[in-house]
Amino acid sequence: MSELSITTTQNVKINFKAASPGERIGSYFIDLIIKIAYCLVVYGIFFHWLNLEKKFPNLDEWSVMTILLVFYFPVMIYSVTLESVFEGQTIGKKINKIKVVKIDGYQAGFGDYLMRWFFRLVDITILNGIIALIAVVSNKKGQRLGDMVAGTAVITLKNKIDISHTILEEIAETYVPTYPLVIKLSDNDMRIIKETFLRAEEKNDYEIIYKLVHKIEKVAGIKNQSIGDPGDFIRTVLKDYNFYTQNM
């Protein structure tokens, strides 16, 4: 399973594991089963139970094809619709815990999912997915052609994590917050702050820690009140954010 390094908009590198070909194939077949089940249900309802062909005997071949196209249109747009709604996941991807992300650190948008969907014709439909499999196996970031064009990749969400890998902080019931303006930051901001701080602290990289303090002050509009270790300010910000978000 290849390592995928994504540089966020804050110029912070975060390492993910690219989804394996097996995970992607498994997700594809789960989605395929769902689409086949939908087609069988629709066909059974409209052409057997309701018996449209007998009720409308004058329907020509083109009319029948048009009706079929309308009924099966959700299958055609299944992946692009669900990935847009569920932020990079279809039902198959959710079950297998993999997700589409942008490799430039931005949130993938409808245009990116649409581009991936469009290239499914080349990647998957032609030669039954052999092109996609070859591309994923040979590409360092595990990208098929649609991913390369859209600037996306598929990552696994199965990594084992503990509280140190999340934005959660252990705070006492008697904890008194210092910086109420931390609520201007988002969960994603706090995740990036914590990951960057932990890496810098592990390497005793105080240059990064000072830059991180300055960035927090600038974005949140707060002033560091800690004296001495700049890490104390960041720890307080993390705890304050947890305090306010848990009590809102």
C-alpha atoms as a PDB file:
ATOM      1  CA  MET A   1       0.000   0.000   0.000  1.00  0.00           C
ATOM      2  CA  SER A   2       1.683   3.241  -1.147  1.00  0.00           C
ATOM      3  CA  GLU A   3       2.119   6.354   0.964  1.00  0.00           C
ATOM      4  CA  LEU A   4       0.343   9.478  -0.243  1.00  0.00           C
ATOM      5  CA  SER A   5       1.591  12.876   0.927  1.00  0.00           C
ATOM      6  CA  ILE A   6      -0.924  15.707   0.621  1.00  0.00           C
ATOM      7  CA  THR A   7       0.107  19.336   1.111  1.00  0.00           C
ATOM      8  CA  THR A   8      -2.763  21.328   2.578  1.00  0.00           C
ATOM      9  CA  THR A   9      -3.633  24.939   1.843  1.00  0.00           C
ATOM     10  CA  GLN A  10      -1.691  25.853   5.019  1.00  0.00           C
ATOM     11  CA  ASN A  11       1.455  24.251   3.493  1.00  0.00           C
ATOM     12  CA  VAL A  12       1.287  21.367   5.955  1.00  0.00           C
ATOM     13  CA  LYS A  13       2.105  17.891   4.687  1.00  0.00           C
ATOM     14  CA  ILE A  14      -0.189  15.083   5.811  1.00  0.00           C
ATOM     15  CA  ASN A  15       0.560  11.470   4.978  1.00  0.00           C
ATOM     16  CA  PHE A  16      -2.218   9.061   4.022  1.00  0.00           C
ATOM     17  CA  LYS A  17      -2.271   5.499   2.770  1.00  0.00           C
ATOM     18  CA  ALA A  18      -3.532   5.131  -0.788  1.00  0.00           C
ATOM     19  CA  ALA A  19      -6.383   2.653  -1.068  1.00  0.00           C
ATOM     20  CA  SER A  20      -5.202  -0.720  -2.344  1.00  0.00           C
ATOM     21  CA  PRO A  21      -6.436  -2.125  -5.676  1.00  0.00           C
ATOM     22  CA  GLY A  22      -8.321  -4.777  -3.687  1.00  0.00           C
ATOM     23  CA  GLU A  23     -10.194  -2.144  -1.663  1.00  0.00           C
ATOM     24  CA  ARG A  24     -11.118  -0.225  -4.794  1.00  0.00           C
ATOM     25  CA  ILE A  25     -12.236  -3.344  -6.667  1.00  0.00           C
ATOM     26  CA  GLY A  26     -14.269  -4.451  -3.653  1.00  0.00           C
ATOM     27  CA  SER A  27     -16.008  -1.074  -3.505  1.00  0.00           C
ATOM     28  CA  TYR A  28     -16.684  -1.201  -7.237  1.00  0.00           C
ATOM     29  CA  PHE A  29     -18.424  -4.571  -6.969  1.00  0.00           C
ATOM     30  CA  ILE A  30     -20.509  -3.469  -3.975  1.00  0.00           C
ATOM     31  CA  ASP A  31     -21.709  -0.470  -5.984  1.00  0.00           C
ATOM     32  CA  LEU A  32     -22.252  -2.713  -9.015  1.00  0.00           C
ATOM     33  CA  ILE A  33     -24.473  -5.053  -6.994  1.00  0.00           C
ATOM     34  CA  ILE A  34     -26.512  -2.064  -5.776  1.00  0.00           C
ATOM     35  CA  LYS A  35     -26.952  -0.799  -9.347  1.00  0.00           C
ATOM     36  CA  ILE A  36     -27.921  -4.226 -10.663  1.00  0.00           C
ATOM     37  CA  ALA A  37     -30.448  -4.634  -7.847  1.00  0.00           C
ATOM     38  CA  TYR A  38     -31.966  -1.257  -8.709  1.00  0.00           C
ATOM     39  CA  CYS A  39     -32.238  -2.200 -12.405  1.00  0.00           C
ATOM     40  CA  LEU A  40     -33.925  -5.513 -11.587  1.00  0.00           C
ATOM     41  CA  VAL A  41     -36.427  -3.823  -9.273  1.00  0.00           C
ATOM     42  CA  VAL A  42     -37.248  -1.092 -11.810  1.00  0.00           C
ATOM     43  CA  TYR A  43     -37.605  -3.589 -14.662  1.00  0.00           C
ATOM     44  CA  GLY A  44     -39.754  -5.882 -12.543  1.00  0.00           C
ATOM     45  CA  ILE A  45     -42.075  -3.074 -11.449  1.00  0.00           C
ATOM     46  CA  PHE A  46     -42.604  -1.319 -14.767  1.00  0.00           C
ATOM     47  CA  PHE A  47     -42.374  -4.142 -17.291  1.00  0.00           C
ATOM     48  CA  HIS A  48     -43.831  -7.058 -15.322  1.00  0.00           C
ATOM     49  CA  TRP A  49     -45.941  -5.800 -12.449  1.00  0.00           C
ATOM     50  CA  LEU A  50     -47.358  -2.717 -14.193  1.00  0.00           C
ATOM     51  CA  ASN A  51     -46.898  -4.366 -17.614  1.00  0.00           C
ATOM     52  CA  LEU A  52     -46.328  -1.144 -19.556  1.00  0.00           C
ATOM     53  CA  GLU A  53     -45.869  -2.931 -22.867  1.00  0.00           C
ATOM     54  CA  LYS A  54     -49.433  -4.322 -22.745  1.00  0.00           C
ATOM     55  CA  LYS A  55     -50.964  -1.114 -21.424  1.00  0.00           C
ATOM     56  CA  PHE A  56     -49.276   0.851 -24.198  1.00  0.00           C
ATOM     57  CA  PRO A  57     -49.126  -1.553 -27.151  1.00  0.00           C
ATOM     58  CA  ASN A  58     -48.422   1.263 -29.603  1.00  0.00           C
ATOM     59  CA  LEU A  59     -45.051   2.071 -28.079  1.00  0.00           C
ATOM     60  CA  ASP A  60     -42.341   1.757 -30.717  1.00  0.00           C
ATOM     61  CA  GLU A  61     -38.769   0.628 -30.046  1.00  0.00           C
ATOM     62  CA  TRP A  62     -37.472   4.178 -29.627  1.00  0.00           C
ATOM     63  CA  SER A  63     -40.170   5.012 -27.077  1.00  0.00           C
ATOM     64  CA  VAL A  64     -39.293   1.926 -25.049  1.00  0.00           C
ATOM     65  CA  MET A  65     -35.596   2.844 -25.178  1.00  0.00           C
ATOM     66  CA  THR A  66     -36.394   6.367 -24.007  1.00  0.00           C
ATOM     67  CA  ILE A  67     -38.403   5.036 -21.054  1.00  0.00           C
ATOM     68  CA  LEU A  68     -35.600   2.650 -20.137  1.00  0.00           C
ATOM     69  CA  LEU A  69     -33.059   5.461 -20.332  1.00  0.00           C
ATOM     70  CA  VAL A  70     -35.145   7.617 -17.948  1.00  0.00           C
ATOM     71  CA  PHE A  71     -35.606   4.752 -15.489  1.00  0.00           C
ATOM     72  CA  TYR A  72     -31.937   3.742 -15.556  1.00  0.00           C
ATOM     73  CA  PHE A  73     -30.518   7.273 -15.546  1.00  0.00           C
ATOM     74  CA  PRO A  74     -29.851   7.116 -11.755  1.00  0.00           C
ATOM     75  CA  VAL A  75     -27.527   4.176 -12.406  1.00  0.00           C
ATOM     76  CA  MET A  76     -25.571   6.227 -14.928  1.00  0.00           C
ATOM     77  CA  ILE A  77     -24.994   9.103 -12.496  1.00  0.00           C
ATOM     78  CA  TYR A  78     -24.697   6.912  -9.386  1.00  0.00           C
ATOM     79  CA  SER A  79     -21.015   7.499  -8.642  1.00  0.00           C
ATOM     80  CA  VAL A  80     -20.809  11.226  -9.404  1.00  0.00           C
ATOM     81  CA  THR A  81     -23.992  11.915  -7.422  1.00  0.00           C
ATOM     82  CA  LEU A  82     -23.042   9.955  -4.317  1.00  0.00           C
ATOM     83  CA  GLU A  83     -19.442  11.179  -4.286  1.00  0.00           C
ATOM     84  CA  SER A  84     -20.727  14.759  -4.460  1.00  0.00           C
ATOM     85  CA  VAL A  85     -23.278  14.218  -1.676  1.00  0.00           C
ATOM     86  CA  PHE A  86     -21.054  12.132   0.624  1.00  0.00           C
ATOM     87  CA  GLU A  87     -17.834  14.091  -0.019  1.00  0.00           C
ATOM     88  CA  GLY A  88     -15.888  11.509  -1.980  1.00  0.00           C
ATOM     89  CA  GLN A  89     -17.688   8.299  -1.072  1.00  0.00           C
ATOM     90  CA  THR A  90     -20.224   5.984  -2.648  1.00  0.00           C
ATOM     91  CA  ILE A  91     -21.958   3.270  -0.631  1.00  0.00           C
ATOM     92  CA  GLY A  92     -19.249   0.819  -1.666  1.00  0.00           C
ATOM     93  CA  LYS A  93     -16.504   3.229  -0.616  1.00  0.00           C
ATOM     94  CA  LYS A  94     -18.234   3.861   2.736  1.00  0.00           C
ATOM     95  CA  ILE A  95     -18.439   0.131   3.450  1.00  0.00           C
ATOM     96  CA  ASN A  96     -14.784  -0.399   2.504  1.00  0.00           C
ATOM     97  CA  LYS A  97     -13.737   2.818   4.291  1.00  0.00           C
ATOM     98  CA  ILE A  98     -12.037   4.529   1.372  1.00  0.00           C
ATOM     99  CA  LYS A  99     -12.523   8.060   0.079  1.00  0.00           C
ATOM    100  CA  VAL A 100     -11.718  10.348  -2.851  1.00  0.00           C
ATOM    101  CA  VAL A 101      -9.579  13.370  -1.900  1.00  0.00           C
ATOM    102  CA  LYS A 102      -7.760  16.149  -3.732  1.00  0.00           C
ATOM    103  CA  ILE A 103      -3.986  15.799  -3.729  1.00  0.00           C
ATOM    104  CA  ASP A 104      -3.520  19.578  -3.455  1.00  0.00           C
ATOM    105  CA  GLY A 105      -5.196  19.773  -0.035  1.00  0.00           C
ATOM    106  CA  TYR A 106      -8.439  21.380  -1.173  1.00  0.00           C
ATOM    107  CA  GLN A 107     -11.848  19.774  -0.760  1.00  0.00           C
ATOM    108  CA  ALA A 108     -12.797  17.899  -3.922  1.00  0.00           C
ATOM    109  CA  GLY A 109     -15.794  19.462  -5.663  1.00  0.00           C
ATOM    110  CA  PHE A 110     -18.479  18.435  -8.115  1.00  0.00           C
ATOM    111  CA  GLY A 111     -16.239  19.246 -11.083  1.00  0.00           C
ATOM    112  CA  ASP A 112     -13.580  16.828  -9.805  1.00  0.00           C
ATOM    113  CA  TYR A 113     -16.097  14.031  -9.255  1.00  0.00           C
ATOM    114  CA  LEU A 114     -17.601  14.732 -12.675  1.00  0.00           C
ATOM    115  CA  MET A 115     -14.196  14.439 -14.320  1.00  0.00           C
ATOM    116  CA  ARG A 116     -13.560  11.106 -12.576  1.00  0.00           C
ATOM    117  CA  TRP A 117     -17.008   9.904 -13.632  1.00  0.00           C
ATOM    118  CA  PHE A 118     -16.459  10.938 -17.257  1.00  0.00           C
ATOM    119  CA  PHE A 119     -13.176   9.029 -17.462  1.00  0.00           C
ATOM    120  CA  ARG A 120     -14.828   5.859 -16.129  1.00  0.00           C
ATOM    121  CA  LEU A 121     -15.649   5.187 -19.777  1.00  0.00           C
ATOM    122  CA  VAL A 122     -11.936   4.856 -20.528  1.00  0.00           C
ATOM    123  CA  ASP A 123     -10.793   3.493 -17.170  1.00  0.00           C
ATOM    124  CA  ILE A 124     -13.462   0.921 -16.415  1.00  0.00           C
ATOM    125  CA  THR A 125     -16.040   0.456 -19.183  1.00  0.00           C
ATOM    126  CA  ILE A 126     -13.478  -0.216 -21.908  1.00  0.00           C
ATOM    127  CA  LEU A 127     -11.692  -3.570 -21.387  1.00  0.00           C
ATOM    128  CA  ASN A 128     -13.655  -4.213 -18.162  1.00  0.00           C
ATOM    129  CA  GLY A 129     -11.467  -2.116 -15.891  1.00  0.00           C
ATOM    130  CA  ILE A 130      -8.095  -3.469 -16.992  1.00  0.00           C
ATOM    131  CA  ILE A 131      -6.902   0.050 -17.881  1.00  0.00           C
ATOM    132  CA  ALA A 132      -7.866   1.341 -14.425  1.00  0.00           C
ATOM    133  CA  LEU A 133      -6.158  -1.596 -12.694  1.00  0.00           C
ATOM    134  CA  ILE A 134      -2.919  -1.106 -14.632  1.00  0.00           C
ATOM    135  CA  ALA A 135      -2.956   2.632 -13.908  1.00  0.00           C
ATOM    136  CA  VAL A 136      -3.596   2.163 -10.171  1.00  0.00           C
ATOM    137  CA  VAL A 137      -0.905  -0.493  -9.761  1.00  0.00           C
ATOM    138  CA  SER A 138       1.735   1.396 -11.761  1.00  0.00           C
ATOM    139  CA  ASN A 139       1.019   4.876 -10.320  1.00  0.00           C
ATOM    140  CA  LYS A 140       2.849   5.876  -7.126  1.00  0.00           C
ATOM    141  CA  LYS A 141      -0.281   7.589  -5.785  1.00  0.00           C
ATOM    142  CA  GLY A 142      -2.624   4.776  -6.774  1.00  0.00           C
ATOM    143  CA  GLN A 143      -4.457   6.944  -9.310  1.00  0.00           C
ATOM    144  CA  ARG A 144      -6.461   5.789 -12.296  1.00  0.00           C
ATOM    145  CA  LEU A 145      -6.643   8.049 -15.369  1.00  0.00           C
ATOM    146  CA  GLY A 146      -9.706   9.884 -14.039  1.00  0.00           C
ATOM    147  CA  ASP A 147      -7.834  10.656 -10.803  1.00  0.00           C
ATOM    148  CA  MET A 148      -4.815  11.964 -12.697  1.00  0.00           C
ATOM    149  CA  VAL A 149      -6.963  14.335 -14.748  1.00  0.00           C
ATOM    150  CA  ALA A 150      -9.051  15.486 -11.770  1.00  0.00           C
ATOM    151  CA  GLY A 151      -6.059  15.792  -9.427  1.00  0.00           C
ATOM    152  CA  THR A 152      -7.572  13.335  -6.969  1.00  0.00           C
ATOM    153  CA  ALA A 153      -6.596  10.110  -5.238  1.00  0.00           C
ATOM    154  CA  VAL A 154      -8.404   7.448  -3.245  1.00  0.00           C
ATOM    155  CA  ILE A 155      -7.191   6.965   0.323  1.00  0.00           C
ATOM    156  CA  THR A 156      -7.982   4.372   2.958  1.00  0.00           C
ATOM    157  CA  LEU A 157      -9.602   5.449   6.229  1.00  0.00           C
ATOM    158  CA  LYS A 158      -8.712   2.225   8.038  1.00  0.00           C
ATOM    159  CA  ASN A 159      -5.584   3.522   9.775  1.00  0.00           C
ATOM    160  CA  LYS A 160      -5.556   2.802  13.491  1.00  0.00           C
ATOM    161  CA  ILE A 161      -5.821   6.040  15.457  1.00  0.00           C
ATOM    162  CA  ASP A 162      -5.979   7.090  19.066  1.00  0.00           C
ATOM    163  CA  ILE A 163      -6.794  10.390  20.736  1.00  0.00           C
ATOM    164  CA  SER A 164      -3.384  11.818  19.791  1.00  0.00           C
ATOM    165  CA  HIS A 165      -4.338  11.502  16.118  1.00  0.00           C
ATOM    166  CA  THR A 166      -7.600  13.414  16.510  1.00  0.00           C
ATOM    167  CA  ILE A 167      -8.536  16.957  17.493  1.00  0.00           C
ATOM    168  CA  LEU A 168      -9.812  15.661  20.849  1.00  0.00           C
ATOM    169  CA  GLU A 169      -8.085  16.786  24.023  1.00  0.00           C
ATOM    170  CA  GLU A 170      -8.608  15.483  27.528  1.00  0.00           C
ATOM    171  CA  ILE A 171      -9.896  18.353  29.685  1.00  0.00           C
ATOM    172  CA  ALA A 172     -11.027  18.363  33.308  1.00  0.00           C
ATOM    173  CA  GLU A 173     -14.563  19.273  34.290  1.00  0.00           C
ATOM    174  CA  THR A 174     -13.193  22.302  36.133  1.00  0.00           C
ATOM    175  CA  TYR A 175     -11.243  23.532  33.107  1.00  0.00           C
ATOM    176  CA  VAL A 176     -11.467  27.296  32.508  1.00  0.00           C
ATOM    177  CA  PRO A 177     -10.818  28.393  28.868  1.00  0.00           C
ATOM    178  CA  THR A 178      -8.553  31.325  27.991  1.00  0.00           C
ATOM    179  CA  TYR A 179      -9.207  32.098  24.314  1.00  0.00           C
ATOM    180  CA  PRO A 180     -12.914  32.224  23.359  1.00  0.00           C
ATOM    181  CA  LEU A 181     -12.032  33.328  19.805  1.00  0.00           C
ATOM    182  CA  VAL A 182     -10.743  29.823  19.019  1.00  0.00           C
ATOM    183  CA  ILE A 183     -14.287  29.025  17.864  1.00  0.00           C
ATOM    184  CA  LYS A 184     -13.410  30.975  14.693  1.00  0.00           C
ATOM    185  CA  LEU A 185     -11.274  27.971  13.727  1.00  0.00           C
ATOM    186  CA  SER A 186     -12.691  24.807  12.168  1.00  0.00           C
ATOM    187  CA  ASP A 187     -12.253  21.131  13.013  1.00  0.00           C
ATOM    188  CA  ASN A 188      -9.939  20.825  10.018  1.00  0.00           C
ATOM    189  CA  ASP A 189      -7.864  23.796  11.236  1.00  0.00           C
ATOM    190  CA  MET A 190      -7.498  22.168  14.653  1.00  0.00           C
ATOM    191  CA  ARG A 191      -6.524  18.828  13.144  1.00  0.00           C
ATOM    192  CA  ILE A 192      -3.795  20.493  11.084  1.00  0.00           C
ATOM    193  CA  ILE A 193      -2.610  22.516  14.096  1.00  0.00           C
ATOM    194  CA  LYS A 194      -2.389  19.450  16.309  1.00  0.00           C
ATOM    195  CA  GLU A 195      -0.657  17.254  13.739  1.00  0.00           C
ATOM    196  CA  THR A 196       1.866  19.970  12.894  1.00  0.00           C
ATOM    197  CA  PHE A 197       2.528  20.752  16.561  1.00  0.00           C
ATOM    198  CA  LEU A 198       3.046  17.106  17.551  1.00  0.00           C
ATOM    199  CA  ARG A 199       5.500  16.543  14.704  1.00  0.00           C
ATOM    200  CA  ALA A 200       7.421  19.744  15.508  1.00  0.00           C
ATOM    201  CA  GLU A 201       7.467  18.976  19.229  1.00  0.00           C
ATOM    202  CA  GLU A 202       8.799  15.491  18.577  1.00  0.00           C
ATOM    203  CA  LYS A 203      11.694  16.979  16.559  1.00  0.00           C
ATOM    204  CA  ASN A 204      12.162  19.986  18.907  1.00  0.00           C
ATOM    205  CA  ASP A 205      11.554  22.192  15.885  1.00  0.00           C
ATOM    206  CA  TYR A 206      10.761  25.471  17.640  1.00  0.00           C
ATOM    207  CA  GLU A 207      10.922  27.411  14.394  1.00  0.00           C
ATOM    208  CA  ILE A 208       7.807  25.571  13.159  1.00  0.00           C
ATOM    209  CA  ILE A 209       6.119  25.971  16.549  1.00  0.00           C
ATOM    210  CA  TYR A 210       6.688  29.747  16.549  1.00  0.00           C
ATOM    211  CA  LYS A 211       5.357  29.983  12.991  1.00  0.00           C
ATOM    212  CA  LEU A 212       2.313  27.964  14.048  1.00  0.00           C
ATOM    213  CA  VAL A 213       1.701  30.304  17.009  1.00  0.00           C
ATOM    214  CA  HIS A 214       1.884  33.316  14.694  1.00  0.00           C
ATOM    215  CA  LYS A 215      -0.498  31.688  12.237  1.00  0.00           C
ATOM    216  CA  ILE A 216      -3.050  30.922  14.961  1.00  0.00           C
ATOM    217  CA  GLU A 217      -2.846  34.486  16.280  1.00  0.00           C
ATOM    218  CA  LYS A 218      -3.366  35.896  12.783  1.00  0.00           C
ATOM    219  CA  VAL A 219      -6.253  33.636  11.727  1.00  0.00           C
ATOM    220  CA  ALA A 220      -8.165  33.533  15.027  1.00  0.00           C
ATOM    221  CA  GLY A 221      -7.399  37.097  16.080  1.00  0.00           C
ATOM    222  CA  ILE A 222      -6.091  36.112  19.516  1.00  0.00           C
ATOM    223  CA  LYS A 223      -2.929  37.062  21.362  1.00  0.00           C
ATOM    224  CA  ASN A 224      -0.581  34.564  22.979  1.00  0.00           C
ATOM    225  CA  GLN A 225      -0.776  35.135  26.742  1.00  0.00           C
ATOM    226  CA  SER A 226       1.599  32.307  27.631  1.00  0.00           C
ATOM    227  CA  ILE A 227       5.023  33.178  28.964  1.00  0.00           C
ATOM    228  CA  GLY A 228       7.935  30.949  28.049  1.00  0.00           C
ATOM    229  CA  ASP A 229       7.227  27.768  26.098  1.00  0.00           C
ATOM    230  CA  PRO A 230       5.228  28.613  22.916  1.00  0.00           C
ATOM    231  CA  GLY A 231       3.892  25.077  23.028  1.00  0.00           C
ATOM    232  CA  ASP A 232       1.832  25.996  26.089  1.00  0.00           C
ATOM    233  CA  PHE A 233      -0.162  28.429  23.943  1.00  0.00           C
ATOM    234  CA  ILE A 234      -0.941  25.770  21.350  1.00  0.00           C
ATOM    235  CA  ARG A 235      -1.940  23.230  24.017  1.00  0.00           C
ATOM    236  CA  THR A 236      -4.277  25.808  25.529  1.00  0.00           C
ATOM    237  CA  VAL A 237      -5.803  26.592  22.129  1.00  0.00           C
ATOM    238  CA  LEU A 238      -6.477  22.888  21.532  1.00  0.00           C
ATOM    239  CA  LYS A 239      -8.100  22.462  24.942  1.00  0.00           C
ATOM    240  CA  ASP A 240     -10.119  25.684  24.590  1.00  0.00           C
ATOM    241  CA  TYR A 241     -11.469  24.574  21.229  1.00  0.00           C
ATOM    242  CA  ASN A 242     -12.552  21.258  22.690  1.00  0.00           C
ATOM    243  CA  PHE A 243     -14.140  23.020  25.663  1.00  0.00           C
ATOM    244  CA  TYR A 244     -16.230  25.388  23.542  1.00  0.00           C
ATOM    245  CA  THR A 245     -17.234  22.894  20.850  1.00  0.00           C
ATOM    246  CA  GLN A 246     -18.259  20.298  23.446  1.00  0.00           C
ATOM    247  CA  ASN A 247     -20.362  22.799  25.364  1.00  0.00           C
ATOM    248  CA  MET A 248     -22.027  24.661  22.492  1.00  0.00           C
END
